[in-house]
C-alpha cells in the first residue's frame, strides 16, 4: 500500500515542483480555497490557538491572521515540494541570510546547534548549509511511509545537508567530537512533548505548557554553541534568515537558560508577524495538565 500511494503521488509532486513562479502560487491559492473554505482543515484548532495566544485581539484581527495563516501554510507545503526542482542558485535568491558571519565565526572552534521553530519556511532552512564550512546536519522525525521517507531525505540532502533522526543526533555529535569534526546541527525545537516525558513546563505565549528540552540537554552535555534562527518572510516565496546567538558554550549555561531564551525569541518572532507560525499544531493541548511542581 505504501508503494501504491507513493507511485500515485510522486508524479503530481514532480509536476508541481516544475511550475513557474506565477502559476505555482496561483495553484497554491486554489488549494488554499479548498483547504480553508471547503474542507475547513483544523479551523477549530487554529481558532482556539489564536484566542489563547492573543486574548487581547478582536475577532476581526484574529480572522485576518487566520486567513493569512492558511495561505502561508499551503505555500509552505508546496515550497517543500518545490525543493525538488530548486537549484543552489535559485534557493540563494529565495532564501537570503543577513549575518552569516555569526555562524561562520562560531563554527571555527566548535560545533553549533541551530535551533528554530515552525515559523516561516522551516524546510528551506537546510539551504543554510550552502554557506557554512562545516558538515551540516538536519535533525528530523522519520516518516512512516518508507518511500516518502527516502524522498524527503533525498530532498533534504541537497545543499550540503545530512539528515539525521532525533535518535541518532547524540551519537553523531559525540562521534564528531571524538574525531575533531565540527558540525552545524539544525533542529526545530518548539514541539510539544508527551506529558509523561516532559521534564520542564514554562509559559509560551502566556500559557504554561510542557517544553521540549532536548536541544538544551545536548548543548550542555557536549558543550555546543547555540544560535537561534530567526526567519522573516520578505514576500511570497522569499525569506531572510538572521542568526541570534544564545551562547558560545552550552556547558557554561544555567539549567533551562537555553530553553527559556529559545522560547522568548520564538515569542518575539511570532508577535512580529503571527500569520507565519504553525497554528494548526496542537501546541497548547496539555495546558490543563500542569504538574504541581510547575504551577
Protein backbone atom coordinates (compact mmCIF):
# COMPACT_ATOMS: atom_id res chain seq x y z
CA UNK A 1 0.00 0.00 0.00
CA UNK A 2 2.85 2.42 0.84
CA UNK A 3 4.35 1.90 -2.61
CA UNK A 4 0.98 2.42 -4.35
CA UNK A 5 0.42 5.71 -2.51
CA UNK A 6 3.91 6.84 -3.45
CA UNK A 7 3.54 5.87 -7.12
CA UNK A 8 0.25 7.76 -7.34
CA UNK A 9 1.50 10.86 -5.55
CA UNK A 10 5.02 11.29 -6.90
CA UNK A 11 4.12 12.34 -10.50
CA UNK A 12 1.84 15.09 -9.14
CA UNK A 13 4.54 16.32 -6.77
CA UNK A 14 7.06 16.36 -9.62
CA UNK A 15 4.72 18.39 -11.84
CA UNK A 16 4.06 20.89 -9.04
CA UNK A 17 7.81 21.32 -8.47
CA UNK A 18 8.25 22.30 -12.14
CA UNK A 19 5.59 25.03 -12.20
CA UNK A 20 6.85 28.57 -12.89
CA UNK A 21 6.56 31.10 -10.04
CA UNK A 22 3.27 32.78 -11.02
CA UNK A 23 1.43 29.54 -11.83
CA UNK A 24 2.91 27.86 -8.74
CA UNK A 25 1.39 30.42 -6.36
CA UNK A 26 -1.87 30.58 -8.28
CA UNK A 27 -2.11 26.84 -7.72
CA UNK A 28 -1.36 27.44 -4.03
CA UNK A 29 -4.29 29.89 -3.87
CA UNK A 30 -6.54 27.28 -5.47
CA UNK A 31 -5.53 24.63 -2.94
CA UNK A 32 -5.92 27.12 -0.09
CA UNK A 33 -9.51 27.79 -1.12
CA UNK A 34 -10.36 24.10 -0.82
CA UNK A 35 -8.41 23.57 2.40
CA UNK A 36 -9.73 26.70 4.13
CA UNK A 37 -13.16 27.44 2.69
CA UNK A 38 -14.36 23.96 1.75
CA UNK A 39 -12.63 21.40 3.97
CA UNK A 40 -12.08 23.76 6.90
CA UNK A 41 -8.87 21.93 7.82
CA UNK A 42 -8.28 22.25 11.60
CA UNK A 43 -10.17 25.54 11.81
CA UNK A 44 -11.28 24.84 15.39
CA UNK A 45 -7.67 24.15 16.43
CA UNK A 46 -6.43 27.33 14.75
CA UNK A 47 -9.22 29.44 16.26
CA UNK A 48 -8.56 28.10 19.74
CA UNK A 49 -4.79 28.57 19.48
CA UNK A 50 -5.10 32.15 18.26
CA UNK A 51 -7.55 33.09 21.03
CA UNK A 52 -5.24 31.56 23.63
CA UNK A 53 -2.13 33.30 22.31
CA UNK A 54 -3.77 36.68 21.63
CA UNK A 55 -6.62 37.22 24.11
CA UNK A 56 -6.35 40.98 23.61
CA UNK A 57 -7.09 40.88 19.86
CA UNK A 58 -10.56 41.33 18.39
CA UNK A 59 -12.36 38.67 16.39
CA UNK A 60 -11.70 40.68 13.24
CA UNK A 61 -7.97 40.83 13.92
CA UNK A 62 -7.82 37.11 14.64
CA UNK A 63 -9.75 36.34 11.46
CA UNK A 64 -7.23 38.31 9.39
CA UNK A 65 -4.34 36.39 10.98
CA UNK A 66 -6.13 33.09 10.41
CA UNK A 67 -6.82 33.80 6.75
CA UNK A 68 -3.21 34.81 6.11
CA UNK A 69 -2.00 31.76 8.01
CA UNK A 70 -3.84 29.32 5.76
CA UNK A 71 -2.42 30.97 2.65
CA UNK A 72 1.07 30.72 4.13
CA UNK A 73 0.52 27.13 5.29
CA UNK A 74 -0.25 25.94 1.76
CA UNK A 75 2.64 27.99 0.38
CA UNK A 76 4.99 26.30 2.85
CA UNK A 77 3.84 22.79 1.95
CA UNK A 78 4.14 23.45 -1.77
CA UNK A 79 7.50 25.17 -1.32
CA UNK A 80 8.74 21.96 0.28
CA UNK A 81 7.66 20.19 -2.92
CA UNK A 82 9.33 22.94 -4.95
CA UNK A 83 12.62 22.00 -3.31
CA UNK A 84 12.72 19.01 -5.65
CA UNK A 85 13.47 21.40 -8.52
CA UNK A 86 15.31 24.29 -6.86
CA UNK A 87 18.97 24.70 -7.75
CA UNK A 88 21.53 26.11 -5.33
CA UNK A 89 21.47 29.38 -7.26
CA UNK A 90 17.67 29.56 -7.10
CA UNK A 91 17.44 28.97 -3.37
CA UNK A 92 20.12 31.58 -2.68
CA UNK A 93 17.84 34.13 -4.34
CA UNK A 94 14.74 32.99 -2.45
CA UNK A 95 16.35 32.40 0.96
CA UNK A 96 18.88 35.08 1.91
CA UNK A 97 20.94 35.48 5.08
CA UNK A 98 21.67 38.84 6.67
CA UNK A 99 24.51 37.89 9.05
CA UNK A 100 26.09 34.56 8.06
CA UNK A 101 29.35 35.74 9.67
CA UNK A 102 27.85 35.00 13.11
CA UNK A 103 27.55 31.31 12.29
CA UNK A 104 30.83 31.15 10.38
CA UNK A 105 32.75 32.64 13.31
CA UNK A 106 31.33 30.14 15.81
CA UNK A 107 31.98 27.10 13.61
CA UNK A 108 35.69 27.90 13.51
CA UNK A 109 36.12 26.49 17.01
CA UNK A 110 33.21 24.21 17.88
CA UNK A 111 30.04 22.54 16.67
CA UNK A 112 26.90 24.68 16.59
CA UNK A 113 23.31 23.82 17.44
CA UNK A 114 20.98 25.91 15.30
CA UNK A 115 17.51 25.99 16.89
CA UNK A 116 14.36 27.25 15.21
CA UNK A 117 10.57 26.98 15.42
CA UNK A 118 7.80 26.02 13.00
CA UNK A 119 7.82 29.51 11.57
CA UNK A 120 8.05 30.92 8.02
CA UNK A 121 9.64 28.22 5.84
CA UNK A 122 11.48 25.80 8.11
CA UNK A 123 12.05 23.36 5.22
CA UNK A 124 14.30 25.78 3.35
CA UNK A 125 16.42 26.29 6.46
CA UNK A 126 18.57 23.41 5.23
CA UNK A 127 19.89 25.71 2.49
CA UNK A 128 21.94 27.50 5.17
CA UNK A 129 24.50 24.74 4.76
CA UNK A 130 25.39 26.25 1.39
CA UNK A 131 27.16 28.96 3.37
CA UNK A 132 28.96 27.05 6.14
CA UNK A 133 32.34 25.35 6.03
CA UNK A 134 31.45 22.58 8.47
CA UNK A 135 29.36 19.50 7.85
CA UNK A 136 25.68 20.36 8.05
CA UNK A 137 23.02 18.16 9.66
CA UNK A 138 19.21 18.46 9.69
CA UNK A 139 17.55 16.70 12.62
CA UNK A 140 14.15 15.26 11.65
CA UNK A 141 11.46 12.76 12.61
CA UNK A 142 11.08 9.67 10.45
CA UNK A 143 8.08 9.32 8.13
CA UNK A 144 6.04 6.13 8.36
CA UNK A 145 5.87 5.60 4.58
CA UNK A 146 9.38 4.38 3.72
CA UNK A 147 9.17 5.62 0.13
CA UNK A 148 8.27 9.16 1.14
CA UNK A 149 10.90 8.86 3.88
CA UNK A 150 13.52 8.21 1.21
CA UNK A 151 12.21 11.08 -0.92
CA UNK A 152 12.25 13.59 1.95
CA UNK A 153 15.77 12.52 2.91
CA UNK A 154 16.86 12.99 -0.69
CA UNK A 155 15.29 16.46 -0.82
CA UNK A 156 16.82 17.50 2.50
CA UNK A 157 20.20 16.09 1.48
CA UNK A 158 20.58 18.74 -1.18
CA UNK A 159 22.67 21.82 -0.44
CA UNK A 160 25.36 20.11 1.65
CA UNK A 161 23.00 18.71 4.32
CA UNK A 162 22.93 15.29 6.01
CA UNK A 163 19.52 14.35 7.52
CA UNK A 164 19.73 12.53 10.86
CA UNK A 165 16.96 11.33 13.15
CA UNK A 166 16.49 12.67 16.66
CA UNK A 167 17.61 9.29 17.98
CA UNK A 168 20.90 9.50 16.07
CA UNK A 169 21.75 13.08 16.97
CA UNK A 170 23.60 12.47 20.23
CA UNK A 171 25.82 9.72 18.87
CA UNK A 172 26.54 11.75 15.72
CA UNK A 173 27.67 14.76 17.78
CA UNK A 174 29.75 12.53 20.07
CA UNK A 175 31.37 10.74 17.15
CA UNK A 176 32.23 14.05 15.53
CA UNK A 177 33.65 15.34 18.81
CA UNK A 178 35.86 12.27 19.19
CA UNK A 179 37.14 12.71 15.63
CA UNK A 180 37.59 16.50 15.97
CA UNK A 181 34.91 17.13 13.33
CA UNK A 182 32.92 20.34 13.60
CA UNK A 183 29.27 20.25 12.54
CA UNK A 184 26.26 22.55 12.34
CA UNK A 185 23.11 20.82 13.60
CA UNK A 186 19.72 22.29 12.70
CA UNK A 187 16.82 21.40 14.99
CA UNK A 188 13.17 22.50 15.19
CA UNK A 189 12.63 22.84 18.94
CA UNK A 190 9.07 24.03 19.57
CA UNK A 191 7.45 20.59 19.61
CA UNK A 192 5.02 19.59 22.33
CA UNK A 193 6.45 16.62 24.28
CA UNK A 194 4.30 13.93 25.86
CA UNK A 195 3.20 14.88 29.36
CA UNK A 196 4.71 11.69 30.79
CA UNK A 197 8.10 12.59 29.33
CA UNK A 198 8.05 16.33 29.97
CA UNK A 199 10.86 17.47 32.28
CA UNK A 200 10.06 21.15 32.16
CA UNK A 201 6.94 23.34 31.92
CA UNK A 202 7.11 27.01 31.07
CA UNK A 203 4.94 29.81 29.72
CA UNK A 204 4.79 30.06 25.94
CA UNK A 205 2.71 32.95 24.61
CA UNK A 206 1.48 33.41 28.17
CA UNK A 207 0.29 29.80 28.63
CA UNK A 208 2.13 27.17 30.66
CA UNK A 209 2.92 24.09 28.55
CA UNK A 210 5.37 21.18 28.55
CA UNK A 211 8.56 22.24 26.79
CA UNK A 212 11.00 20.26 24.68
CA UNK A 213 14.43 20.38 26.37
CA UNK A 214 16.41 18.04 24.12
CA UNK A 215 18.31 20.85 22.43
CA UNK A 216 19.46 22.29 25.75
CA UNK A 217 20.45 18.87 27.10
CA UNK A 218 22.55 18.22 24.00
CA UNK A 219 24.23 21.64 24.11
CA UNK A 220 25.07 21.47 27.83
CA UNK A 221 26.30 17.88 27.76
CA UNK A 222 28.53 18.28 24.70
CA UNK A 223 29.35 21.98 25.05
CA UNK A 224 27.86 23.18 21.79
CA UNK A 225 27.40 26.78 20.75
CA UNK A 226 23.68 27.58 20.37
CA UNK A 227 22.17 30.00 17.88
CA UNK A 228 18.52 30.92 17.35
CA UNK A 229 17.48 31.02 13.71
CA UNK A 230 15.07 33.88 13.10
CA UNK A 231 13.43 33.72 9.68
CA UNK A 232 11.34 36.53 8.20
CA UNK A 233 9.06 36.31 5.19
CA UNK A 234 10.13 39.13 2.89
CA UNK A 235 7.39 38.50 0.34
CA UNK A 236 5.67 35.50 -1.15
CA UNK A 237 8.29 32.84 -1.89
CA UNK A 238 11.17 34.86 -0.42
CA UNK A 239 12.69 34.65 3.07
CA UNK A 240 15.54 36.14 5.05
CA UNK A 241 17.39 34.47 7.91
CA UNK A 242 19.11 36.12 10.86
CA UNK A 243 21.30 34.37 13.44
CA UNK A 244 20.78 35.36 17.08
CA UNK A 245 23.47 33.90 19.38
CA UNK A 246 22.19 32.29 22.57
CA UNK A 247 25.52 31.03 23.94
CA UNK A 248 29.03 30.26 22.75
CA UNK A 249 29.31 27.48 25.31
CA UNK A 250 26.38 25.31 26.28
CA UNK A 251 28.36 23.78 29.14
CA UNK A 252 28.64 27.19 30.81
CA UNK A 253 24.92 27.94 30.93
CA UNK A 254 22.47 27.57 33.79
CA UNK A 255 19.78 24.90 33.68
CA UNK A 256 16.84 25.99 31.47
CA UNK A 257 18.71 29.11 30.35
CA UNK A 258 18.93 27.94 26.71
CA UNK A 259 15.34 26.68 26.65
CA UNK A 260 13.91 29.88 28.12
CA UNK A 261 15.90 32.06 25.73
CA UNK A 262 14.64 29.98 22.80
CA UNK A 263 11.04 30.43 23.95
CA UNK A 264 11.42 34.19 24.30
CA UNK A 265 12.99 34.57 20.85
CA UNK A 266 10.23 32.43 19.33
CA UNK A 267 7.57 34.57 21.01
CA UNK A 268 9.12 37.78 19.66
CA UNK A 269 9.18 36.27 16.19
CA UNK A 270 5.52 35.27 16.40
CA UNK A 271 4.41 38.65 17.74
CA UNK A 272 6.10 40.46 14.83
CA UNK A 273 4.09 38.53 12.21
CA UNK A 274 1.81 35.87 13.79
CA UNK A 275 0.41 34.62 10.47
CA UNK A 276 3.63 32.72 9.71
CA UNK A 277 3.55 30.41 12.75
CA UNK A 278 2.15 26.87 12.59
CA UNK A 279 -1.18 27.49 14.32
CA UNK A 280 -2.67 24.18 13.17
CA UNK A 281 -0.34 22.36 15.57
CA UNK A 282 -1.90 21.47 18.96
CA UNK A 283 0.87 23.24 20.86
CA UNK A 284 -1.26 24.11 23.91
CA UNK A 285 -3.23 20.87 24.23
CA UNK A 286 -1.70 19.96 27.62
CA UNK A 287 -2.24 23.33 29.28
CA UNK A 288 -4.71 21.87 31.82
CA UNK A 289 -2.29 19.15 32.94
CA UNK A 290 0.41 21.24 34.65
CA UNK A 291 2.09 19.20 37.42
CA UNK A 292 2.02 20.64 40.93
CA UNK A 293 5.77 21.34 40.98
CA UNK A 294 5.48 23.60 37.91
CA UNK A 295 2.36 25.54 38.87
